[in-house]
N, C-alpha and C. Protein backbone atom coordinates (compact mmCIF):
# COMPACT_ATOMS: atom_id res chain seq x y z
N UNK A 1 100.30 58.80 -153.61
CA UNK A 1 101.58 59.14 -153.04
C UNK A 1 101.33 59.88 -151.73
N UNK A 2 102.14 59.58 -150.72
CA UNK A 2 101.99 60.21 -149.41
C UNK A 2 103.33 60.65 -148.87
N UNK A 3 103.29 61.68 -148.04
CA UNK A 3 104.47 62.15 -147.32
C UNK A 3 104.08 62.29 -145.87
N UNK A 4 104.90 61.74 -144.99
CA UNK A 4 104.63 61.76 -143.56
C UNK A 4 105.88 62.22 -142.83
N UNK A 5 105.71 63.14 -141.89
CA UNK A 5 106.85 63.56 -141.06
C UNK A 5 106.37 63.79 -139.63
N UNK A 6 107.26 63.49 -138.70
CA UNK A 6 106.99 63.72 -137.28
C UNK A 6 108.26 64.26 -136.64
N UNK A 7 108.09 65.20 -135.74
CA UNK A 7 109.21 65.74 -135.00
C UNK A 7 108.79 65.89 -133.54
N UNK A 8 109.58 65.35 -132.66
CA UNK A 8 109.36 65.52 -131.24
C UNK A 8 110.65 66.01 -130.61
N UNK A 9 110.54 66.95 -129.68
CA UNK A 9 111.77 67.48 -129.09
C UNK A 9 111.53 67.95 -127.67
N UNK A 10 112.60 67.88 -126.91
CA UNK A 10 112.62 68.43 -125.56
C UNK A 10 113.76 69.44 -125.54
N UNK A 11 113.41 70.71 -125.53
CA UNK A 11 114.40 71.78 -125.58
C UNK A 11 114.33 72.56 -124.27
N UNK A 12 115.39 72.47 -123.49
CA UNK A 12 115.42 73.13 -122.18
C UNK A 12 116.66 74.01 -122.04
N UNK A 13 116.51 75.04 -121.23
CA UNK A 13 117.68 75.83 -120.86
C UNK A 13 118.57 74.99 -119.96
N UNK A 14 119.85 74.94 -120.23
CA UNK A 14 120.78 74.26 -119.35
C UNK A 14 121.15 75.22 -118.22
N UNK A 15 121.71 76.35 -118.59
CA UNK A 15 122.02 77.41 -117.64
C UNK A 15 121.59 78.73 -118.26
N UNK A 16 120.60 79.39 -117.65
CA UNK A 16 120.16 80.67 -118.18
C UNK A 16 119.59 81.52 -117.05
N UNK A 17 120.25 82.63 -116.80
CA UNK A 17 119.78 83.61 -115.83
C UNK A 17 119.67 84.94 -116.55
N UNK A 18 118.52 85.61 -116.39
CA UNK A 18 118.30 86.89 -117.06
C UNK A 18 117.72 87.87 -116.05
N UNK A 19 118.40 88.98 -115.86
CA UNK A 19 117.94 90.03 -114.95
C UNK A 19 117.63 89.47 -113.56
N UNK A 20 118.47 88.56 -113.10
CA UNK A 20 118.31 87.98 -111.77
C UNK A 20 117.34 86.81 -111.70
N UNK A 21 116.66 86.47 -112.80
CA UNK A 21 115.73 85.33 -112.82
C UNK A 21 116.44 84.09 -113.35
N UNK A 22 116.32 83.01 -112.62
CA UNK A 22 116.97 81.76 -112.99
C UNK A 22 115.97 80.89 -113.76
N UNK A 23 116.30 80.59 -115.03
CA UNK A 23 115.42 79.78 -115.87
C UNK A 23 116.02 78.40 -116.16
N UNK A 24 117.02 77.99 -115.40
CA UNK A 24 117.65 76.70 -115.61
C UNK A 24 116.60 75.58 -115.62
N UNK A 25 116.65 74.73 -116.64
CA UNK A 25 115.74 73.59 -116.74
C UNK A 25 114.40 73.90 -117.37
N UNK A 26 114.07 75.17 -117.58
CA UNK A 26 112.80 75.52 -118.22
C UNK A 26 112.85 75.18 -119.71
N UNK A 27 111.67 74.96 -120.27
CA UNK A 27 111.57 74.71 -121.71
C UNK A 27 111.80 76.00 -122.48
N UNK A 28 112.44 75.90 -123.62
CA UNK A 28 112.63 77.07 -124.47
C UNK A 28 111.29 77.48 -125.07
N UNK A 29 110.97 78.77 -125.01
CA UNK A 29 109.67 79.21 -125.56
C UNK A 29 109.68 79.23 -127.09
N UNK A 30 108.48 79.07 -127.66
CA UNK A 30 108.31 79.20 -129.10
C UNK A 30 108.67 77.97 -129.90
N UNK A 31 108.98 76.86 -129.23
CA UNK A 31 109.32 75.63 -129.94
C UNK A 31 108.27 74.58 -129.57
N UNK A 32 107.50 74.08 -130.53
CA UNK A 32 106.49 73.07 -130.19
C UNK A 32 107.15 71.78 -129.71
N UNK A 33 106.49 71.12 -128.76
CA UNK A 33 107.05 69.87 -128.25
C UNK A 33 106.95 68.75 -129.28
N UNK A 34 106.06 68.88 -130.24
CA UNK A 34 105.98 67.91 -131.33
C UNK A 34 105.23 68.51 -132.52
N UNK A 35 105.49 67.97 -133.68
CA UNK A 35 104.75 68.37 -134.88
C UNK A 35 104.62 67.16 -135.79
N UNK A 36 103.53 67.16 -136.53
CA UNK A 36 103.18 66.04 -137.39
C UNK A 36 102.61 66.59 -138.69
N UNK A 37 103.07 66.08 -139.82
CA UNK A 37 102.56 66.49 -141.13
C UNK A 37 102.27 65.25 -141.96
N UNK A 38 101.12 65.25 -142.59
CA UNK A 38 100.75 64.18 -143.51
C UNK A 38 100.16 64.83 -144.75
N UNK A 39 100.72 64.48 -145.89
CA UNK A 39 100.20 64.96 -147.17
C UNK A 39 99.89 63.75 -148.03
N UNK A 40 98.68 63.70 -148.54
CA UNK A 40 98.24 62.59 -149.36
C UNK A 40 97.82 63.12 -150.72
N UNK A 41 98.41 62.58 -151.77
CA UNK A 41 98.05 62.94 -153.15
C UNK A 41 97.47 61.71 -153.83
N UNK A 42 96.32 61.93 -154.48
CA UNK A 42 95.65 60.81 -155.15
C UNK A 42 95.29 61.26 -156.56
N UNK A 43 95.60 60.42 -157.52
CA UNK A 43 95.28 60.66 -158.92
C UNK A 43 94.28 59.61 -159.38
N UNK A 44 92.97 59.84 -159.19
CA UNK A 44 91.99 58.84 -159.61
C UNK A 44 92.05 58.60 -161.12
N UNK A 45 92.37 59.66 -161.87
CA UNK A 45 92.67 59.55 -163.30
C UNK A 45 93.86 60.48 -163.56
N UNK A 46 94.54 60.31 -164.65
CA UNK A 46 95.81 61.03 -164.86
C UNK A 46 95.68 62.55 -164.88
N UNK A 47 94.53 63.09 -165.21
CA UNK A 47 94.38 64.54 -165.31
C UNK A 47 93.72 65.16 -164.07
N UNK A 48 93.40 64.34 -163.07
CA UNK A 48 92.73 64.82 -161.87
C UNK A 48 93.56 64.46 -160.65
N UNK A 49 93.82 65.47 -159.81
CA UNK A 49 94.58 65.25 -158.57
C UNK A 49 93.77 65.74 -157.39
N UNK A 50 93.77 64.95 -156.32
CA UNK A 50 93.16 65.35 -155.05
C UNK A 50 94.27 65.34 -154.01
N UNK A 51 94.43 66.47 -153.34
CA UNK A 51 95.51 66.64 -152.36
C UNK A 51 94.91 66.99 -151.01
N UNK A 52 95.31 66.25 -149.98
CA UNK A 52 94.89 66.55 -148.61
C UNK A 52 96.14 66.74 -147.76
N UNK A 53 96.12 67.77 -146.93
CA UNK A 53 97.27 68.08 -146.09
C UNK A 53 96.78 68.23 -144.65
N UNK A 54 97.39 67.48 -143.73
CA UNK A 54 97.02 67.50 -142.31
C UNK A 54 98.26 67.90 -141.51
N UNK A 55 98.08 68.87 -140.59
CA UNK A 55 99.20 69.35 -139.77
C UNK A 55 98.77 69.42 -138.30
N UNK A 56 99.65 68.93 -137.44
CA UNK A 56 99.44 69.05 -136.00
C UNK A 56 100.66 69.75 -135.41
N UNK A 57 100.42 70.76 -134.57
CA UNK A 57 101.50 71.46 -133.87
C UNK A 57 101.22 71.36 -132.38
N UNK A 58 102.19 70.86 -131.63
CA UNK A 58 102.03 70.65 -130.19
C UNK A 58 102.13 71.92 -129.36
N UNK A 59 102.01 71.75 -128.05
CA UNK A 59 102.09 72.86 -127.10
C UNK A 59 103.41 73.61 -127.23
N UNK A 60 103.35 74.92 -126.92
CA UNK A 60 104.55 75.76 -126.92
C UNK A 60 104.44 76.74 -125.75
N UNK A 61 105.57 76.99 -125.12
CA UNK A 61 105.59 78.02 -124.08
C UNK A 61 105.79 79.38 -124.73
N UNK A 62 105.23 80.41 -124.09
CA UNK A 62 105.28 81.76 -124.63
C UNK A 62 106.35 82.64 -123.98
N UNK A 63 106.88 82.20 -122.83
CA UNK A 63 107.90 83.00 -122.17
C UNK A 63 108.94 82.11 -121.49
N UNK A 64 110.05 82.73 -121.13
CA UNK A 64 111.16 81.99 -120.53
C UNK A 64 110.79 81.34 -119.21
N UNK A 65 109.88 81.95 -118.45
CA UNK A 65 109.49 81.41 -117.15
C UNK A 65 108.53 80.23 -117.27
N UNK A 66 108.05 79.94 -118.46
CA UNK A 66 107.10 78.85 -118.72
C UNK A 66 105.78 79.04 -117.98
N UNK A 67 105.43 80.30 -117.69
CA UNK A 67 104.16 80.60 -117.02
C UNK A 67 102.99 80.63 -117.98
N UNK A 68 103.27 80.86 -119.27
CA UNK A 68 102.21 80.94 -120.27
C UNK A 68 102.48 79.91 -121.35
N UNK A 69 101.41 79.21 -121.75
CA UNK A 69 101.55 78.15 -122.75
C UNK A 69 100.52 78.35 -123.85
N UNK A 70 100.94 78.11 -125.10
CA UNK A 70 100.01 78.12 -126.23
C UNK A 70 99.64 76.67 -126.53
N UNK A 71 98.35 76.40 -126.59
CA UNK A 71 97.87 75.03 -126.75
C UNK A 71 98.11 74.49 -128.17
N UNK A 72 98.11 73.20 -128.27
CA UNK A 72 98.28 72.52 -129.55
C UNK A 72 97.09 72.78 -130.47
N UNK A 73 97.30 72.54 -131.78
CA UNK A 73 96.21 72.70 -132.74
C UNK A 73 96.44 71.79 -133.95
N UNK A 74 95.35 71.57 -134.69
CA UNK A 74 95.35 70.70 -135.86
C UNK A 74 94.73 71.46 -137.03
N UNK A 75 95.39 71.42 -138.20
CA UNK A 75 94.88 72.07 -139.40
C UNK A 75 94.77 71.07 -140.54
N UNK A 76 93.81 71.29 -141.42
CA UNK A 76 93.69 70.43 -142.60
C UNK A 76 93.24 71.27 -143.79
N UNK A 77 93.79 70.92 -144.95
CA UNK A 77 93.47 71.59 -146.22
C UNK A 77 93.17 70.51 -147.26
N UNK A 78 92.38 70.88 -148.26
CA UNK A 78 92.10 69.97 -149.36
C UNK A 78 92.09 70.77 -150.67
N UNK A 79 92.60 70.14 -151.72
CA UNK A 79 92.66 70.82 -153.02
C UNK A 79 92.39 69.78 -154.11
N UNK A 80 91.62 70.19 -155.11
CA UNK A 80 91.34 69.36 -156.28
C UNK A 80 91.82 70.12 -157.50
N UNK A 81 92.59 69.47 -158.36
CA UNK A 81 93.06 70.14 -159.56
C UNK A 81 92.81 69.27 -160.79
N UNK A 82 92.59 69.94 -161.88
CA UNK A 82 92.28 69.29 -163.16
C UNK A 82 93.18 69.92 -164.21
N UNK A 83 93.86 69.09 -164.99
CA UNK A 83 94.75 69.60 -166.03
C UNK A 83 94.28 69.15 -167.40
N UNK A 84 94.25 70.09 -168.31
CA UNK A 84 93.95 69.75 -169.71
C UNK A 84 94.89 70.56 -170.59
N UNK A 85 94.93 70.24 -171.85
CA UNK A 85 95.85 70.89 -172.78
C UNK A 85 95.09 71.50 -173.95
N UNK A 86 95.45 72.74 -174.25
CA UNK A 86 94.92 73.40 -175.43
C UNK A 86 95.64 72.85 -176.66
N UNK A 87 96.94 72.66 -176.46
CA UNK A 87 97.76 72.03 -177.50
C UNK A 87 98.78 71.15 -176.77
N UNK A 88 99.65 70.49 -177.51
CA UNK A 88 100.64 69.61 -176.88
C UNK A 88 101.58 70.36 -175.95
N UNK A 89 101.81 71.65 -176.24
CA UNK A 89 102.77 72.42 -175.46
C UNK A 89 102.15 73.36 -174.43
N UNK A 90 100.84 73.47 -174.38
CA UNK A 90 100.20 74.43 -173.48
C UNK A 90 99.25 73.73 -172.52
N UNK A 91 99.79 73.32 -171.33
CA UNK A 91 98.90 72.74 -170.33
C UNK A 91 98.21 73.83 -169.51
N UNK A 92 96.98 73.59 -169.12
CA UNK A 92 96.24 74.51 -168.25
C UNK A 92 95.78 73.70 -167.04
N UNK A 93 96.06 74.26 -165.86
CA UNK A 93 95.69 73.61 -164.61
C UNK A 93 94.68 74.47 -163.88
N UNK A 94 93.52 73.92 -163.60
CA UNK A 94 92.47 74.61 -162.84
C UNK A 94 92.35 73.89 -161.51
N UNK A 95 92.38 74.68 -160.41
CA UNK A 95 92.24 74.03 -159.11
C UNK A 95 91.40 74.87 -158.17
N UNK A 96 90.83 74.19 -157.21
CA UNK A 96 90.04 74.82 -156.16
C UNK A 96 90.31 74.08 -154.87
N UNK A 97 90.21 74.78 -153.76
CA UNK A 97 90.49 74.12 -152.50
C UNK A 97 89.89 74.83 -151.32
N UNK A 98 90.03 74.19 -150.19
CA UNK A 98 89.58 74.74 -148.91
C UNK A 98 90.75 74.68 -147.95
N UNK A 99 91.12 75.82 -147.40
CA UNK A 99 92.16 75.87 -146.37
C UNK A 99 91.51 75.95 -145.00
N UNK A 100 92.15 75.36 -144.01
CA UNK A 100 91.66 75.34 -142.63
C UNK A 100 90.23 74.80 -142.60
N UNK A 101 90.10 73.61 -143.09
CA UNK A 101 88.80 72.95 -143.29
C UNK A 101 87.90 72.98 -142.06
N UNK A 102 88.46 72.81 -140.87
CA UNK A 102 87.66 72.76 -139.65
C UNK A 102 87.53 74.13 -138.97
N UNK A 103 87.99 75.20 -139.63
CA UNK A 103 87.94 76.56 -139.10
C UNK A 103 88.56 76.65 -137.71
N UNK A 104 89.73 76.05 -137.56
CA UNK A 104 90.46 76.03 -136.30
C UNK A 104 91.02 77.42 -135.99
N UNK A 105 90.91 77.83 -134.73
CA UNK A 105 91.55 79.06 -134.28
C UNK A 105 92.96 78.71 -133.86
N UNK A 106 93.94 79.35 -134.48
CA UNK A 106 95.34 79.04 -134.22
C UNK A 106 96.19 80.28 -134.44
N UNK A 107 97.42 80.22 -134.00
CA UNK A 107 98.36 81.33 -134.18
C UNK A 107 99.24 81.03 -135.38
N UNK A 108 99.28 81.96 -136.31
CA UNK A 108 100.18 81.79 -137.45
C UNK A 108 101.60 82.18 -137.08
N UNK A 109 101.75 83.00 -136.03
CA UNK A 109 103.06 83.40 -135.56
C UNK A 109 102.99 83.68 -134.06
N UNK A 110 103.98 83.19 -133.31
CA UNK A 110 104.08 83.46 -131.88
C UNK A 110 105.21 84.44 -131.62
N UNK A 111 105.01 85.30 -130.65
CA UNK A 111 106.04 86.23 -130.20
C UNK A 111 106.41 85.81 -128.78
N UNK A 112 107.60 85.30 -128.61
CA UNK A 112 108.02 84.88 -127.27
C UNK A 112 108.47 86.08 -126.45
N UNK A 113 108.22 86.03 -125.15
CA UNK A 113 108.61 87.08 -124.23
C UNK A 113 108.13 88.46 -124.70
N UNK A 114 106.89 88.51 -125.18
CA UNK A 114 106.32 89.76 -125.70
C UNK A 114 106.23 90.82 -124.61
N UNK A 115 106.36 92.06 -125.04
CA UNK A 115 106.30 93.20 -124.13
C UNK A 115 105.20 94.14 -124.63
N UNK A 116 104.35 94.61 -123.72
CA UNK A 116 103.32 95.58 -124.08
C UNK A 116 103.89 96.99 -124.10
N UNK A 117 103.31 97.85 -124.90
CA UNK A 117 103.75 99.24 -125.00
C UNK A 117 102.59 100.17 -124.69
N UNK A 118 102.90 101.34 -124.14
CA UNK A 118 101.89 102.37 -123.84
C UNK A 118 100.75 101.81 -123.00
N UNK A 119 101.07 101.09 -121.95
CA UNK A 119 100.10 100.52 -121.00
C UNK A 119 99.15 99.51 -121.65
N UNK A 120 99.60 98.81 -122.68
CA UNK A 120 98.77 97.77 -123.30
C UNK A 120 99.32 96.40 -122.93
N UNK A 121 98.48 95.40 -123.00
CA UNK A 121 98.90 94.03 -122.74
C UNK A 121 99.81 93.56 -123.87
N UNK A 122 100.78 92.71 -123.57
CA UNK A 122 101.64 92.20 -124.65
C UNK A 122 100.87 91.33 -125.63
N UNK A 123 101.30 91.33 -126.87
CA UNK A 123 100.66 90.52 -127.91
C UNK A 123 101.59 89.33 -128.18
N UNK A 124 101.17 88.16 -127.75
CA UNK A 124 101.99 86.96 -127.85
C UNK A 124 101.81 86.21 -129.17
N UNK A 125 100.74 86.48 -129.87
CA UNK A 125 100.53 85.75 -131.12
C UNK A 125 99.70 86.56 -132.11
N UNK A 126 99.80 86.16 -133.37
CA UNK A 126 98.99 86.72 -134.44
C UNK A 126 98.07 85.61 -134.92
N UNK A 127 96.77 85.86 -134.98
CA UNK A 127 95.82 84.81 -135.36
C UNK A 127 96.07 84.31 -136.78
N UNK A 128 95.85 83.02 -136.97
CA UNK A 128 95.95 82.40 -138.29
C UNK A 128 94.72 82.68 -139.12
N UNK A 129 94.79 82.33 -140.37
CA UNK A 129 93.70 82.57 -141.31
C UNK A 129 92.54 81.62 -141.01
N UNK A 130 91.32 82.14 -140.96
CA UNK A 130 90.17 81.26 -140.76
C UNK A 130 89.91 80.44 -142.03
N UNK A 131 88.85 79.66 -142.00
CA UNK A 131 88.54 78.81 -143.15
C UNK A 131 88.40 79.68 -144.40
N UNK A 132 89.03 79.22 -145.46
CA UNK A 132 88.87 79.85 -146.77
C UNK A 132 88.12 78.84 -147.61
N UNK A 133 86.85 79.12 -147.87
CA UNK A 133 85.98 78.13 -148.47
C UNK A 133 86.39 77.74 -149.89
N UNK A 134 86.75 78.68 -150.69
CA UNK A 134 87.14 78.32 -152.05
C UNK A 134 88.36 79.12 -152.46
N UNK A 135 89.33 78.42 -152.90
CA UNK A 135 90.51 79.04 -153.49
C UNK A 135 90.53 78.52 -154.92
N UNK A 136 90.49 79.41 -155.86
CA UNK A 136 90.34 79.01 -157.25
C UNK A 136 91.41 79.69 -158.07
N UNK A 137 92.02 78.99 -158.98
CA UNK A 137 93.04 79.59 -159.85
C UNK A 137 93.18 78.80 -161.12
N UNK A 138 93.75 79.46 -162.10
CA UNK A 138 94.09 78.83 -163.37
C UNK A 138 95.56 79.10 -163.62
N UNK A 139 96.32 78.05 -163.91
CA UNK A 139 97.74 78.20 -164.22
C UNK A 139 97.98 77.79 -165.66
N UNK A 140 98.80 78.57 -166.34
CA UNK A 140 99.17 78.24 -167.73
C UNK A 140 100.58 77.70 -167.75
């Protein structure tokens, strides 16, 4: 089973002036120009599932003037799960996985039009989680 989604957009200011600055026609910050998601689930046998998730996020501007841009990035995760039953009513699911398989550097959150405080540079993004080699859990 697979799920696929794509979104492409062009989001621009029609009329926007702020503090004497004219941003008419500029792209809205913090909105990716495109995004793509693909999730593939495979059941080689009924009690074993392999799940792969691929995500692409396109370029985004960081401020209203469009002077700063955050580059696109690609993430991938994989998970394998195994289900067995102690009894007819008690299923147990054991799974392990790897998040951010390629150890991509990306922003988990962007702050548009960021402002620095106390003579510091503004912080426009918060780094995403690096590769997590094993994620292991048991569900009852």
